[in-house]
Amino acid sequence: MTTAFPDLTADPHAAYAHLRAAGPVHRVTGPDGLPVWIVTRYDDVRRLLADPRLSLDKTHRLPGNYRGFSLPPALDANLLNMDPPDHTRIRRLVSKAFTPGRVERLRPGVQALADRLLDDLADRGRADLVADYAAPLPITVICDLLGVPHDSRPDFRAWTDALVAPDPDDPGAAGQAVAAMLAYFPRLVSDKRRRPGDDLLTDLIDVRDDGDRLTEDELTSLAFLILFAGYENTVQLIGTAVLALLDHPEQRDALVADPGRIDDAVEEFARYDGPALLAIRRFPVEDLTIGGVTVPAGETVMLSPASANRDPDRFPDPDRLDLDRRDSAHLALGHGIHYCVGAPLARLETGIAVGTLLRRFPALELDVPRDRLRWRPSIRARGLVSLPVRL
């Protein structure tokens, strides 16, 4: 039986609690009117994130099932659409450039940027933490990392926003953003070939492994993925982390009193209200049994990290933010071979952003009633449109 797609905008956790209680997997009508299976329980989601029988390659999709957003080949040849051996090859090449050491070297710059952004807010008394802080911080960091010129950065943010949460009043905006990126990224790669810099994109152009290297489509697709995922996930995680602390003032006060707990706190922020409502669609390469339900080969499956992270069979009192929680085996950043390659950067940025904000403004408060906060209209990404606060 196929049911309506759950409302995941204002209160996805209530919707997922209902689905988990009703069963482990549900066939629903996707946003495009085509069927999709949603998997909600922790053990199933974790196992299936690493199950090679669930393919990310769209050639395994049967017609008549949910497609998801389509990109042109020059932006689509990325890790989120590949299985081994192609995924293994490209991830190995990317990992040579995207190392923990490179991420750690970004720490002083990220800290200086957070300080500068908050300096600009200090005398205002009020701010929208999404527009004024959570968004400009990761877009600046990721553009610095890729070596994007400063005059292109406002466009990058607008393009990414148009894809993360398409405006229902402007149905052509997402397509226009894709076309703009499709024109821009090859030019950026070409510029880096002529004028190499100390940046990740130059490293990706130069990286080799036994003579292997990235193709042009792979380079532009990876640049697109790093920008898109690096911005989208982090801006949303910073926003929901701050809101979670405002909703749990005793936890905020504990973190203010002991800022050294920030790394553990980031893990709990990601579990409690992470950015991934649904992982990218997958396609069974054979009939697959999930919780006693048979999902036919070629149909579309979407796994929910957000639901898994609130599963009471895995996390005690899951709807409570608990910075003392010692079990941090959340799935907000994935699991298995598709674990987020940028996870160290997302953790670094979120820890610095939230920790610095609390140090500077420990008495931070919401500046609007809680029920007036607006959420991005997205089935995949959990994020606030704005977060008005009094500093």
Protein backbone atom coordinates (compact mmCIF):
# COMPACT_ATOMS: atom_id res chain seq x y z
CA MET A 1 0.00 0.00 0.00
CA THR A 2 1.33 3.45 -0.95
CA THR A 3 0.60 6.34 1.42
CA ALA A 4 1.15 10.10 1.28
CA PHE A 5 4.64 11.48 1.79
CA PRO A 6 5.05 12.57 5.44
CA ASP A 7 5.25 16.26 6.30
CA LEU A 8 8.94 16.77 7.08
CA THR A 9 9.02 20.57 7.21
CA ALA A 10 7.96 21.88 10.62
CA ASP A 11 8.19 18.75 12.81
CA PRO A 12 9.83 15.81 11.03
CA HIS A 13 10.61 14.03 14.29
CA ALA A 14 6.93 13.62 15.13
CA ALA A 15 6.28 12.26 11.64
CA TYR A 16 9.17 9.82 11.94
CA ALA A 17 8.07 8.67 15.40
CA HIS A 18 4.72 7.74 13.87
CA LEU A 19 6.38 5.89 10.98
CA ARG A 20 8.81 3.99 13.25
CA ALA A 21 5.96 2.83 15.45
CA ALA A 22 3.90 1.74 12.43
CA GLY A 23 6.65 -0.30 10.78
CA PRO A 24 10.28 -0.37 9.63
CA VAL A 25 9.68 0.56 5.98
CA HIS A 26 6.89 2.44 4.21
CA ARG A 27 5.99 2.87 0.54
CA VAL A 28 4.94 6.49 0.01
CA THR A 29 4.28 8.81 -2.88
CA GLY A 30 7.34 10.96 -3.57
CA PRO A 31 7.25 14.69 -4.29
CA ASP A 32 7.15 13.93 -8.02
CA GLY A 33 4.11 11.68 -7.57
CA LEU A 34 6.14 8.49 -8.01
CA PRO A 35 6.59 5.81 -5.32
CA VAL A 36 9.53 5.64 -2.91
CA TRP A 37 10.30 3.44 0.11
CA ILE A 38 11.31 5.18 3.38
CA VAL A 39 13.31 3.24 6.01
CA THR A 40 13.11 4.67 9.53
CA ARG A 41 14.64 2.45 12.25
CA TYR A 42 18.25 2.72 13.40
CA ASP A 43 19.40 -0.87 12.89
CA ASP A 44 17.91 -1.03 9.39
CA VAL A 45 19.23 2.39 8.33
CA ARG A 46 22.76 1.70 9.60
CA ARG A 47 22.90 -1.72 7.96
CA LEU A 48 21.51 -0.52 4.64
CA LEU A 49 23.80 2.51 4.44
CA ALA A 50 26.64 -0.01 4.09
CA ASP A 51 24.79 -2.68 2.06
CA PRO A 52 26.27 -3.04 -1.46
CA ARG A 53 22.92 -4.38 -2.70
CA LEU A 54 21.59 -0.82 -2.47
CA SER A 55 23.12 1.05 -5.39
CA LEU A 56 23.55 4.78 -5.86
CA ASP A 57 23.93 4.31 -9.62
CA LYS A 58 20.76 5.58 -11.30
CA THR A 59 21.06 3.01 -14.09
CA HIS A 60 19.62 0.50 -11.60
CA ARG A 61 16.40 2.50 -11.21
CA LEU A 62 13.26 1.10 -12.79
CA PRO A 63 11.04 3.57 -14.68
CA GLY A 64 7.99 4.68 -12.76
CA ASN A 65 9.76 5.26 -9.44
CA TYR A 66 10.87 8.43 -7.67
CA ARG A 67 13.82 9.98 -9.50
CA GLY A 68 15.05 12.75 -7.25
CA PHE A 69 16.75 15.85 -8.63
CA SER A 70 18.54 15.34 -11.97
CA LEU A 71 21.80 17.05 -12.84
CA PRO A 72 23.70 17.26 -16.13
CA PRO A 73 26.64 14.81 -16.52
CA ALA A 74 29.27 17.49 -15.83
CA LEU A 75 27.84 17.92 -12.30
CA ASP A 76 26.52 14.39 -11.78
CA ALA A 77 29.76 12.37 -11.92
CA ASN A 78 30.30 12.57 -8.17
CA LEU A 79 30.56 10.23 -5.21
CA LEU A 80 26.83 10.40 -4.42
CA ASN A 81 25.95 8.68 -7.70
CA MET A 82 28.60 5.97 -7.79
CA ASP A 83 29.25 2.44 -6.58
CA PRO A 84 32.58 0.61 -6.44
CA PRO A 85 34.86 0.35 -8.31
CA ASP A 86 34.32 3.92 -9.62
CA HIS A 87 33.46 5.21 -6.14
CA THR A 88 36.57 3.52 -4.66
CA ARG A 89 38.82 5.05 -7.30
CA ILE A 90 37.53 8.61 -6.97
CA ARG A 91 37.32 8.53 -3.17
CA ARG A 92 40.95 7.39 -3.05
CA LEU A 93 41.99 10.30 -5.25
CA VAL A 94 39.93 12.82 -3.27
CA SER A 95 41.24 11.52 0.06
CA LYS A 96 44.79 12.32 -1.03
CA ALA A 97 43.82 16.00 -1.21
CA PHE A 98 41.11 16.21 1.46
CA THR A 99 43.17 15.11 4.45
CA PRO A 100 42.57 15.68 8.18
CA GLY A 101 45.82 17.64 8.26
CA ARG A 102 44.53 20.09 5.67
CA VAL A 103 41.30 20.51 7.62
CA GLU A 104 43.15 21.13 10.89
CA ARG A 105 45.27 23.80 9.21
CA LEU A 106 42.01 25.65 8.56
CA ARG A 107 41.30 26.04 12.29
CA PRO A 108 42.98 29.46 12.82
CA GLY A 109 41.24 30.91 9.78
CA VAL A 110 37.82 29.55 10.77
CA GLN A 111 38.28 30.93 14.28
CA ALA A 112 39.29 34.35 12.96
CA LEU A 113 36.29 34.38 10.64
CA ALA A 114 33.87 33.49 13.46
CA ASP A 115 35.35 36.25 15.61
CA ARG A 116 35.07 38.78 12.80
CA LEU A 117 31.46 37.91 12.02
CA LEU A 118 30.50 38.23 15.69
CA ASP A 119 32.43 41.50 16.01
CA ASP A 120 30.15 42.87 13.31
CA LEU A 121 27.08 41.82 15.31
CA ALA A 122 28.22 42.88 18.78
CA ASP A 123 26.83 46.42 18.69
CA ARG A 124 23.53 45.54 17.03
CA GLY A 125 21.90 43.73 19.92
CA ARG A 126 19.87 41.60 17.53
CA ALA A 127 20.74 39.36 14.59
CA ASP A 128 19.50 36.67 12.25
CA LEU A 129 22.02 33.96 13.06
CA VAL A 130 21.41 32.14 9.78
CA ALA A 131 21.92 35.10 7.44
CA ASP A 132 24.52 36.89 9.57
CA TYR A 133 26.59 34.01 10.93
CA ALA A 134 25.71 30.38 10.18
CA ALA A 135 25.57 30.93 6.39
CA PRO A 136 28.52 33.26 5.71
CA LEU A 137 30.92 31.21 7.81
CA PRO A 138 30.79 27.89 5.87
CA ILE A 139 30.39 29.50 2.45
CA THR A 140 33.52 31.56 3.10
CA VAL A 141 35.45 28.53 4.38
CA ILE A 142 34.47 26.25 1.51
CA CYS A 143 35.21 28.93 -1.09
CA ASP A 144 38.61 29.56 0.51
CA LEU A 145 39.23 25.81 0.47
CA LEU A 146 38.34 25.49 -3.22
CA GLY A 147 40.06 28.72 -4.20
CA VAL A 148 36.90 30.49 -5.44
CA PRO A 149 37.48 34.19 -6.19
CA HIS A 150 35.76 36.60 -3.79
CA ASP A 151 33.59 38.22 -6.46
CA SER A 152 31.92 34.85 -7.23
CA ARG A 153 30.98 33.95 -3.66
CA PRO A 154 27.61 35.71 -3.42
CA ASP A 155 26.55 33.80 -6.55
CA PHE A 156 27.65 30.51 -4.98
CA ARG A 157 25.49 31.08 -1.95
CA ALA A 158 22.46 32.02 -4.06
CA TRP A 159 22.89 28.99 -6.34
CA THR A 160 23.19 26.61 -3.42
CA ASP A 161 20.19 28.07 -1.61
CA ALA A 162 18.12 27.68 -4.78
CA LEU A 163 18.95 23.96 -4.89
CA VAL A 164 18.63 23.24 -1.15
CA ALA A 165 15.15 24.75 -0.82
CA PRO A 166 13.58 25.65 -4.18
CA ASP A 167 11.20 28.60 -4.02
CA PRO A 168 7.69 27.34 -4.88
CA ASP A 169 6.93 30.81 -6.28
CA ASP A 170 9.93 30.59 -8.63
CA PRO A 171 9.90 27.10 -10.15
CA GLY A 172 12.65 27.94 -12.62
CA ALA A 173 15.21 29.07 -10.02
CA ALA A 174 16.71 25.63 -9.39
CA GLY A 175 17.22 25.00 -13.09
CA GLN A 176 18.79 28.42 -13.52
CA ALA A 177 21.15 27.69 -10.61
CA VAL A 178 22.23 24.40 -12.21
CA ALA A 179 22.83 26.13 -15.54
CA ALA A 180 24.90 28.83 -13.84
CA MET A 181 27.02 26.26 -12.01
CA LEU A 182 27.42 24.21 -15.17
CA ALA A 183 28.85 27.28 -16.89
CA TYR A 184 30.97 28.39 -13.94
CA PHE A 185 32.77 25.26 -12.72
CA PRO A 186 34.55 24.35 -15.99
CA ARG A 187 35.83 27.95 -16.16
CA LEU A 188 37.07 27.71 -12.58
CA VAL A 189 38.89 24.44 -13.31
CA SER A 190 40.41 25.95 -16.45
CA ASP A 191 41.57 29.01 -14.48
CA LYS A 192 43.22 26.76 -11.86
CA ARG A 193 45.07 24.88 -14.57
CA ARG A 194 46.50 28.16 -15.88
CA ARG A 195 47.10 29.71 -12.47
CA PRO A 196 47.49 27.01 -9.79
CA GLY A 197 46.98 28.06 -6.19
CA ASP A 198 47.31 26.72 -2.66
CA ASP A 199 43.81 25.30 -2.63
CA LEU A 200 41.91 22.03 -2.79
CA LEU A 201 40.80 22.38 -6.40
CA THR A 202 44.40 22.79 -7.56
CA ASP A 203 45.29 19.67 -5.55
CA LEU A 204 42.42 17.72 -7.14
CA ILE A 205 43.63 18.75 -10.60
CA ASP A 206 47.15 17.59 -9.75
CA VAL A 207 46.37 14.45 -7.76
CA ARG A 208 47.60 11.14 -9.18
CA ASP A 209 47.42 7.51 -8.16
CA ASP A 210 49.55 5.14 -10.26
CA GLY A 211 48.95 7.38 -13.25
CA ASP A 212 45.20 7.65 -12.62
CA ARG A 213 43.64 11.10 -12.40
CA LEU A 214 40.24 12.75 -12.36
CA THR A 215 38.45 13.44 -15.65
CA GLU A 216 37.04 16.87 -16.45
CA ASP A 217 33.49 15.83 -15.54
CA GLU A 218 34.75 14.24 -12.31
CA LEU A 219 36.62 17.43 -11.40
CA THR A 220 33.67 19.73 -12.00
CA SER A 221 31.26 17.32 -10.28
CA LEU A 222 33.51 17.04 -7.24
CA ALA A 223 33.90 20.81 -7.00
CA PHE A 224 30.11 21.11 -7.15
CA LEU A 225 29.62 18.39 -4.49
CA ILE A 226 32.23 19.86 -2.11
CA LEU A 227 30.67 23.32 -2.39
CA PHE A 228 27.08 22.12 -2.14
CA ALA A 229 27.52 19.60 0.70
CA GLY A 230 30.14 21.67 2.52
CA TYR A 231 27.82 24.66 2.68
CA GLU A 232 24.43 23.00 3.01
CA ASN A 233 25.22 20.59 5.83
CA THR A 234 27.22 23.00 7.96
CA VAL A 235 24.94 26.05 7.81
CA GLN A 236 22.02 23.87 8.80
CA LEU A 237 23.86 22.07 11.58
CA ILE A 238 25.04 25.35 13.12
CA GLY A 239 21.50 26.75 13.05
CA THR A 240 19.79 23.70 14.55
CA ALA A 241 22.56 23.34 17.17
CA VAL A 242 22.02 26.89 18.42
CA LEU A 243 18.25 26.40 18.44
CA ALA A 244 18.63 23.15 20.39
CA LEU A 245 20.63 24.99 23.06
CA LEU A 246 18.01 27.74 23.23
CA ASP A 247 15.35 25.05 23.69
CA HIS A 248 17.45 23.42 26.45
CA PRO A 249 18.84 26.32 28.51
CA GLU A 250 20.28 24.00 31.14
CA GLN A 251 22.41 22.37 28.43
CA ARG A 252 23.44 25.79 27.10
CA ASP A 253 24.51 26.87 30.59
CA ALA A 254 26.48 23.67 31.10
CA LEU A 255 28.36 24.24 27.84
CA VAL A 256 29.02 27.89 28.71
CA ALA A 257 30.47 26.73 32.04
CA ASP A 258 32.64 24.06 30.41
CA PRO A 259 33.49 25.04 26.82
CA GLY A 260 35.95 22.15 26.56
CA ARG A 261 32.95 19.87 26.00
CA ILE A 262 32.23 21.37 22.59
CA ASP A 263 33.49 18.39 20.56
CA ASP A 264 31.16 15.97 22.36
CA ALA A 265 28.38 18.54 22.08
CA VAL A 266 28.74 18.67 18.28
CA GLU A 267 28.12 14.92 18.11
CA GLU A 268 24.94 15.32 20.16
CA PHE A 269 23.81 18.27 18.02
CA ALA A 270 24.22 16.09 14.93
CA ARG A 271 22.27 13.22 16.50
CA TYR A 272 19.53 15.39 17.96
CA ASP A 273 18.69 17.51 14.90
CA GLY A 274 21.20 16.87 12.14
CA PRO A 275 20.84 18.16 8.58
CA ALA A 276 20.00 14.88 6.82
CA LEU A 277 16.29 14.09 6.94
CA LEU A 278 16.77 11.57 4.14
CA ALA A 279 19.95 10.20 2.61
CA ILE A 280 20.26 10.28 -1.16
CA ARG A 281 18.05 7.76 -2.97
CA ARG A 282 19.25 4.22 -3.54
CA PHE A 283 18.13 1.36 -5.78
CA PRO A 284 18.16 -2.35 -4.84
CA VAL A 285 20.09 -4.42 -7.37
CA GLU A 286 18.01 -7.43 -6.28
CA ASP A 287 14.81 -7.95 -4.33
CA LEU A 288 15.60 -6.87 -0.77
CA THR A 289 13.86 -7.78 2.49
CA ILE A 290 13.72 -4.95 5.03
CA GLY A 291 11.98 -5.63 8.32
CA GLY A 292 10.01 -8.46 6.78
CA VAL A 293 8.94 -6.34 3.79
CA THR A 294 10.16 -7.19 0.28
CA VAL A 295 11.32 -4.19 -1.74
CA PRO A 296 11.61 -5.10 -5.44
CA ALA A 297 14.83 -4.55 -7.36
CA GLY A 298 15.01 -1.18 -9.09
CA GLU A 299 12.52 0.62 -6.87
CA THR A 300 13.65 3.73 -4.98
CA VAL A 301 14.71 3.51 -1.33
CA MET A 302 15.43 6.47 0.94
CA LEU A 303 17.06 5.89 4.32
CA SER A 304 16.37 8.37 7.13
CA PRO A 305 19.33 9.24 9.37
CA ALA A 306 17.10 11.77 11.19
CA SER A 307 14.62 9.06 12.13
CA ALA A 308 17.34 6.57 13.04
CA ASN A 309 18.97 9.12 15.33
CA ARG A 310 15.73 9.48 17.33
CA ASP A 311 15.03 5.72 17.53
CA PRO A 312 14.26 4.93 21.21
CA ASP A 313 15.45 1.35 20.70
CA ARG A 314 18.94 2.77 20.09
CA PHE A 315 19.11 6.03 22.06
CA PRO A 316 17.49 6.39 25.50
CA ASP A 317 15.22 9.44 25.78
CA PRO A 318 16.07 10.36 22.16
CA ASP A 319 13.95 13.51 21.98
CA ARG A 320 16.06 15.19 24.69
CA LEU A 321 19.27 17.05 23.95
CA ASP A 322 21.79 15.53 26.35
CA LEU A 323 25.37 16.77 26.16
CA ASP A 324 26.36 14.06 28.65
CA ARG A 325 25.28 11.34 26.24
CA ARG A 326 28.23 9.03 25.74
CA ASP A 327 26.80 7.01 22.85
CA SER A 328 27.57 9.10 19.79
CA ALA A 329 27.05 6.43 17.12
CA HIS A 330 24.71 8.69 15.17
CA LEU A 331 24.20 8.46 11.42
CA ALA A 332 23.94 12.17 10.65
CA LEU A 333 27.12 12.07 8.55
CA GLY A 334 26.47 8.68 7.00
CA HIS A 335 28.00 5.24 7.47
CA GLY A 336 30.03 2.83 5.37
CA ILE A 337 31.88 3.71 2.18
CA HIS A 338 29.68 6.77 1.63
CA TYR A 339 30.49 8.32 5.00
CA CYS A 340 30.78 12.08 4.48
CA VAL A 341 34.29 12.87 3.23
CA GLY A 342 33.91 16.40 4.61
CA ALA A 343 32.84 15.31 8.11
CA PRO A 344 36.02 16.61 9.83
CA LEU A 345 35.44 20.06 8.33
CA ALA A 346 31.75 20.11 9.32
CA ARG A 347 32.70 19.18 12.90
CA LEU A 348 35.46 21.80 13.03
CA GLU A 349 33.25 24.61 11.73
CA THR A 350 30.28 23.73 13.94
CA GLY A 351 32.41 23.45 17.07
CA ILE A 352 34.10 26.79 16.44
CA ALA A 353 30.87 28.53 15.41
CA VAL A 354 28.80 27.39 18.39
CA GLY A 355 31.62 27.59 20.94
CA THR A 356 32.60 31.12 19.92
CA LEU A 357 28.99 32.28 19.89
CA LEU A 358 28.42 31.04 23.45
CA ARG A 359 31.67 32.56 24.67
CA ARG A 360 30.77 35.95 23.23
CA PHE A 361 27.02 35.92 23.97
CA PRO A 362 26.28 33.44 26.77
CA ALA A 363 22.83 34.95 27.46
CA LEU A 364 21.65 34.51 23.86
CA GLU A 365 17.84 34.36 23.50
CA LEU A 366 15.28 33.88 20.74
CA ASP A 367 13.88 37.16 19.43
CA VAL A 368 10.60 35.70 18.12
CA PRO A 369 8.11 33.19 19.52
CA ARG A 370 9.36 29.65 18.97
CA ASP A 371 6.38 28.71 16.79
CA ARG A 372 7.14 31.55 14.37
CA LEU A 373 10.44 30.08 13.23
CA ARG A 374 10.38 29.02 9.57
CA TRP A 375 12.00 25.87 8.17
CA ARG A 376 13.32 25.28 4.68
CA PRO A 377 10.72 23.51 2.50
CA SER A 378 12.89 20.48 1.81
CA ILE A 379 12.29 16.75 2.16
CA ARG A 380 16.01 15.99 2.44
CA ALA A 381 17.63 18.83 4.35
CA ARG A 382 16.64 20.04 7.82
CA GLY A 383 17.41 23.73 8.19
CA LEU A 384 16.06 27.04 9.43
CA VAL A 385 15.22 29.85 7.03
CA SER A 386 16.21 32.33 9.74
CA LEU A 387 17.04 32.37 13.45
CA PRO A 388 16.30 35.81 14.99
CA VAL A 389 18.07 36.25 18.35
CA ARG A 390 18.81 38.87 20.97
CA LEU A 391 22.51 38.97 21.73
